[in-house]
Amino acid sequence: MSDERKRWLDEPKNVNKIVYTLYGVCVLLILVDFLPYKDHPHYDFEHRVGFYGIFGLVSCVGLVLTAKVLRRIVMRREDYYDE
């Protein structure tokens, strides 16, 4: 007999709450860039609004794509250690 209770994240409305909350946090973080604060960037392009968010997204996508290529290079057969 299995326990088939509904969990909190089984409800689509609860998942939507999490997604919209994350959207809100992202918007707030972008809006913080417009506040007057003194930063000391090393390069001129670091002054752009949302630069670090875009840089993080591009870096993450690049890591995933690099891992997909490396997987083909270093992957072994499923029974490699059975021999």
N, C-alpha and C. Protein backbone atom coordinates (compact mmCIF):
# COMPACT_ATOMS: atom_id res chain seq x y z
N MET A 1 0.83 -1.17 0.00
CA MET A 1 0.00 0.00 0.00
C MET A 1 0.89 1.25 0.00
N SER A 2 0.69 2.11 -0.97
CA SER A 2 1.52 3.31 -1.07
C SER A 2 0.75 4.52 -0.55
N ASP A 3 1.51 5.45 -0.03
CA ASP A 3 0.94 6.69 0.48
C ASP A 3 0.81 7.69 -0.66
N GLU A 4 -0.40 7.89 -1.15
CA GLU A 4 -0.64 8.76 -2.30
C GLU A 4 -1.22 10.11 -1.89
N ARG A 5 -0.72 10.67 -0.78
CA ARG A 5 -1.18 11.99 -0.38
C ARG A 5 -0.70 13.03 -1.37
N LYS A 6 -1.47 14.08 -1.47
CA LYS A 6 -1.05 15.20 -2.31
C LYS A 6 -0.03 16.03 -1.54
N ARG A 7 1.04 16.34 -2.20
CA ARG A 7 2.08 17.18 -1.62
C ARG A 7 1.84 18.63 -2.00
N TRP A 8 2.59 19.52 -1.35
CA TRP A 8 2.40 20.95 -1.54
C TRP A 8 2.68 21.37 -2.98
N LEU A 9 3.71 20.81 -3.60
CA LEU A 9 4.08 21.21 -4.96
C LEU A 9 3.32 20.43 -6.02
N ASP A 10 2.41 19.54 -5.63
CA ASP A 10 1.56 18.86 -6.61
C ASP A 10 0.48 19.78 -7.15
N GLU A 11 0.18 20.82 -6.44
CA GLU A 11 -0.84 21.79 -6.86
C GLU A 11 -0.21 22.81 -7.82
N PRO A 12 -0.74 22.95 -9.02
CA PRO A 12 -0.17 23.92 -9.97
C PRO A 12 -0.19 25.36 -9.46
N LYS A 13 -1.18 25.71 -8.63
CA LYS A 13 -1.22 27.09 -8.13
C LYS A 13 -0.04 27.38 -7.21
N ASN A 14 0.43 26.38 -6.48
CA ASN A 14 1.58 26.58 -5.60
C ASN A 14 2.86 26.71 -6.41
N VAL A 15 2.98 25.95 -7.48
CA VAL A 15 4.14 26.08 -8.36
C VAL A 15 4.14 27.47 -9.00
N ASN A 16 2.96 27.94 -9.41
CA ASN A 16 2.87 29.28 -9.99
C ASN A 16 3.27 30.35 -8.98
N LYS A 17 2.94 30.15 -7.71
CA LYS A 17 3.34 31.11 -6.67
C LYS A 17 4.86 31.21 -6.61
N ILE A 18 5.54 30.08 -6.67
CA ILE A 18 7.00 30.07 -6.61
C ILE A 18 7.59 30.77 -7.83
N VAL A 19 7.06 30.45 -9.00
CA VAL A 19 7.57 31.04 -10.25
C VAL A 19 7.38 32.56 -10.24
N TYR A 20 6.19 33.02 -9.86
CA TYR A 20 5.94 34.46 -9.84
C TYR A 20 6.76 35.17 -8.77
N THR A 21 7.00 34.50 -7.66
CA THR A 21 7.87 35.07 -6.63
C THR A 21 9.29 35.23 -7.17
N LEU A 22 9.79 34.24 -7.89
CA LEU A 22 11.13 34.35 -8.47
C LEU A 22 11.19 35.46 -9.52
N TYR A 23 10.12 35.59 -10.32
CA TYR A 23 10.07 36.70 -11.27
C TYR A 23 10.13 38.03 -10.54
N GLY A 24 9.40 38.15 -9.45
CA GLY A 24 9.40 39.38 -8.68
C GLY A 24 10.77 39.71 -8.11
N VAL A 25 11.45 38.69 -7.59
CA VAL A 25 12.80 38.89 -7.05
C VAL A 25 13.74 39.36 -8.15
N CYS A 26 13.63 38.76 -9.33
CA CYS A 26 14.49 39.18 -10.46
C CYS A 26 14.23 40.63 -10.85
N VAL A 27 12.97 41.02 -10.90
CA VAL A 27 12.64 42.41 -11.23
C VAL A 27 13.18 43.35 -10.16
N LEU A 28 13.03 42.98 -8.89
CA LEU A 28 13.57 43.83 -7.82
C LEU A 28 15.08 43.98 -7.92
N LEU A 29 15.77 42.90 -8.26
CA LEU A 29 17.22 42.99 -8.38
C LEU A 29 17.64 43.88 -9.54
N ILE A 30 16.86 43.87 -10.62
CA ILE A 30 17.15 44.78 -11.73
C ILE A 30 16.88 46.23 -11.32
N LEU A 31 15.80 46.46 -10.57
CA LEU A 31 15.46 47.81 -10.13
C LEU A 31 16.50 48.37 -9.16
N VAL A 32 17.16 47.51 -8.41
CA VAL A 32 18.21 47.96 -7.48
C VAL A 32 19.35 48.62 -8.25
N ASP A 33 19.56 48.21 -9.50
CA ASP A 33 20.62 48.83 -10.30
C ASP A 33 20.37 50.32 -10.55
N PHE A 34 19.12 50.76 -10.45
CA PHE A 34 18.81 52.16 -10.68
C PHE A 34 19.00 53.02 -9.43
N LEU A 35 19.20 52.42 -8.28
CA LEU A 35 19.42 53.19 -7.05
C LEU A 35 20.79 53.86 -7.09
N PRO A 36 20.88 55.04 -6.52
CA PRO A 36 22.18 55.73 -6.53
C PRO A 36 23.11 55.15 -5.46
N TYR A 37 24.05 54.40 -5.90
CA TYR A 37 25.07 53.88 -5.00
C TYR A 37 26.41 53.94 -5.71
N LYS A 38 27.46 53.96 -4.93
CA LYS A 38 28.81 54.12 -5.48
C LYS A 38 29.42 52.74 -5.67
N ASP A 39 29.64 52.40 -6.94
CA ASP A 39 30.33 51.15 -7.21
C ASP A 39 31.65 51.47 -7.91
N HIS A 40 32.51 50.50 -7.94
CA HIS A 40 33.83 50.69 -8.52
C HIS A 40 34.11 49.60 -9.56
N PRO A 41 33.47 49.71 -10.73
CA PRO A 41 33.70 48.68 -11.74
C PRO A 41 35.08 48.83 -12.37
N HIS A 42 35.59 47.73 -12.85
CA HIS A 42 36.90 47.75 -13.50
C HIS A 42 36.80 48.17 -14.97
N TYR A 43 35.68 47.83 -15.60
CA TYR A 43 35.50 48.11 -17.03
C TYR A 43 34.23 48.93 -17.24
N ASP A 44 34.17 49.62 -18.37
CA ASP A 44 33.02 50.49 -18.66
C ASP A 44 31.72 49.71 -18.85
N PHE A 45 31.79 48.51 -19.43
CA PHE A 45 30.56 47.77 -19.70
C PHE A 45 29.90 47.24 -18.43
N GLU A 46 30.58 47.29 -17.31
CA GLU A 46 29.99 46.84 -16.05
C GLU A 46 28.95 47.84 -15.52
N HIS A 47 28.87 49.01 -16.09
CA HIS A 47 27.88 50.01 -15.67
C HIS A 47 26.49 49.72 -16.22
N ARG A 48 26.38 48.84 -17.19
CA ARG A 48 25.08 48.56 -17.82
C ARG A 48 24.12 47.93 -16.82
N VAL A 49 22.84 48.29 -16.96
CA VAL A 49 21.80 47.75 -16.09
C VAL A 49 21.62 46.27 -16.38
N GLY A 50 21.69 45.45 -15.34
CA GLY A 50 21.49 44.02 -15.49
C GLY A 50 22.70 43.28 -16.03
N PHE A 51 23.86 43.91 -16.07
CA PHE A 51 25.04 43.27 -16.65
C PHE A 51 25.37 41.96 -15.95
N TYR A 52 25.38 41.96 -14.63
CA TYR A 52 25.80 40.77 -13.91
C TYR A 52 24.78 39.64 -14.03
N GLY A 53 23.51 39.98 -14.14
CA GLY A 53 22.50 38.94 -14.37
C GLY A 53 22.65 38.30 -15.73
N ILE A 54 22.86 39.13 -16.74
CA ILE A 54 23.06 38.61 -18.10
C ILE A 54 24.36 37.82 -18.18
N PHE A 55 25.40 38.32 -17.55
CA PHE A 55 26.68 37.62 -17.54
C PHE A 55 26.54 36.26 -16.87
N GLY A 56 25.81 36.20 -15.76
CA GLY A 56 25.60 34.93 -15.07
C GLY A 56 24.81 33.95 -15.92
N LEU A 57 23.77 34.43 -16.60
CA LEU A 57 22.97 33.56 -17.47
C LEU A 57 23.81 33.00 -18.61
N VAL A 58 24.56 33.87 -19.28
CA VAL A 58 25.39 33.43 -20.41
C VAL A 58 26.47 32.45 -19.92
N SER A 59 27.04 32.70 -18.76
CA SER A 59 28.06 31.81 -18.21
C SER A 59 27.47 30.44 -17.89
N CYS A 60 26.29 30.41 -17.30
CA CYS A 60 25.64 29.15 -16.95
C CYS A 60 25.30 28.35 -18.20
N VAL A 61 24.76 29.00 -19.21
CA VAL A 61 24.44 28.31 -20.47
C VAL A 61 25.72 27.79 -21.11
N GLY A 62 26.77 28.58 -21.07
CA GLY A 62 28.06 28.15 -21.61
C GLY A 62 28.61 26.93 -20.90
N LEU A 63 28.47 26.89 -19.58
CA LEU A 63 28.93 25.72 -18.82
C LEU A 63 28.15 24.47 -19.18
N VAL A 64 26.84 24.61 -19.34
CA VAL A 64 26.02 23.45 -19.70
C VAL A 64 26.39 22.95 -21.09
N LEU A 65 26.55 23.84 -22.04
CA LEU A 65 26.92 23.42 -23.39
C LEU A 65 28.30 22.80 -23.44
N THR A 66 29.24 23.34 -22.67
CA THR A 66 30.57 22.76 -22.58
C THR A 66 30.52 21.37 -21.96
N ALA A 67 29.70 21.20 -20.94
CA ALA A 67 29.57 19.89 -20.31
C ALA A 67 28.98 18.86 -21.27
N LYS A 68 28.05 19.28 -22.12
CA LYS A 68 27.49 18.36 -23.10
C LYS A 68 28.55 17.88 -24.09
N VAL A 69 29.43 18.78 -24.49
CA VAL A 69 30.51 18.40 -25.41
C VAL A 69 31.51 17.49 -24.69
N LEU A 70 31.89 17.86 -23.48
CA LEU A 70 32.85 17.05 -22.73
C LEU A 70 32.31 15.67 -22.40
N ARG A 71 31.01 15.56 -22.22
CA ARG A 71 30.40 14.26 -21.93
C ARG A 71 30.66 13.28 -23.07
N ARG A 72 30.58 13.75 -24.28
CA ARG A 72 30.84 12.88 -25.43
C ARG A 72 32.30 12.44 -25.48
N ILE A 73 33.19 13.27 -24.98
CA ILE A 73 34.62 12.95 -25.02
C ILE A 73 35.00 11.96 -23.93
N VAL A 74 34.51 12.16 -22.70
CA VAL A 74 34.96 11.34 -21.58
C VAL A 74 34.00 10.21 -21.21
N MET A 75 32.86 10.08 -21.88
CA MET A 75 31.88 9.07 -21.52
C MET A 75 32.39 7.67 -21.88
N ARG A 76 32.14 6.73 -20.99
CA ARG A 76 32.51 5.33 -21.20
C ARG A 76 31.25 4.51 -21.44
N ARG A 77 31.45 3.31 -21.94
CA ARG A 77 30.32 2.39 -22.11
C ARG A 77 29.72 2.07 -20.75
N GLU A 78 28.47 1.66 -20.75
CA GLU A 78 27.77 1.36 -19.50
C GLU A 78 28.44 0.20 -18.75
N ASP A 79 28.97 -0.77 -19.47
CA ASP A 79 29.59 -1.94 -18.83
C ASP A 79 31.11 -1.83 -18.78
N TYR A 80 31.65 -0.63 -18.78
CA TYR A 80 33.09 -0.40 -18.83
C TYR A 80 33.81 -1.06 -17.65
N TYR A 81 33.26 -0.96 -16.45
CA TYR A 81 33.94 -1.50 -15.27
C TYR A 81 33.57 -2.95 -15.00
N ASP A 82 32.66 -3.53 -15.76
CA ASP A 82 32.26 -4.91 -15.54
C ASP A 82 33.29 -5.91 -16.08
N GLU A 83 34.13 -5.48 -16.98
CA GLU A 83 35.08 -6.41 -17.59
C GLU A 83 36.22 -6.76 -16.67
